[in-house]
Structure formats: C-alpha cells, structure tokens
C-alpha cells in the first residue's frame, strides 16, 4: 500500500531540483497513466521557469501540481479503482 502524504506545495525547495528533461518525462507519465483513467493533457509541456521553478503548461502550473497529480494517479492505481 502507498503511504498517504500531504500535497507538495509550489514553494517546496525540492521542486527546484527537477530538470526540464525530468519534468518532460513526468509529463509523459502523466499523459500515459492519466489516459487510462480518462485524464487527458495532450498539450502539456514545459513552459520556462519563474523564480527557479520549471512551469508545466496546462495552465502554467508549477511542478508541484504535476507531482501531486501523479501521486493521485498512483493512489488510484494502487486501489484498483479510480477516485475513491
């Protein structure tokens, strides 16, 4: 079972350590894994940086949003049914 944790804040210093290549791979995972749950972000891509944070363009979200969405998907996959 996956341990529950709180969401990652946009100001979390750990989000500064992600490279654009790593974030591009996380976006690919979000698109692939999210698609199985009916979540579609076909146009998601990196969109520059602000104050050292790489932005993800599905509304110029910070990396923390991407990581939190992937955590939700991981929890849904682990439970065997989405969005309980």
Foldseek 3Di string as FASTA:
>chain_A
DDDDDDADDLPPPVQLPDDQVNLQVLVVVCQVLVVVVVDHDPPWHWDQDDPSFIFIPPPRHTVSVSVRSVVQSVVCVVVVHHDD
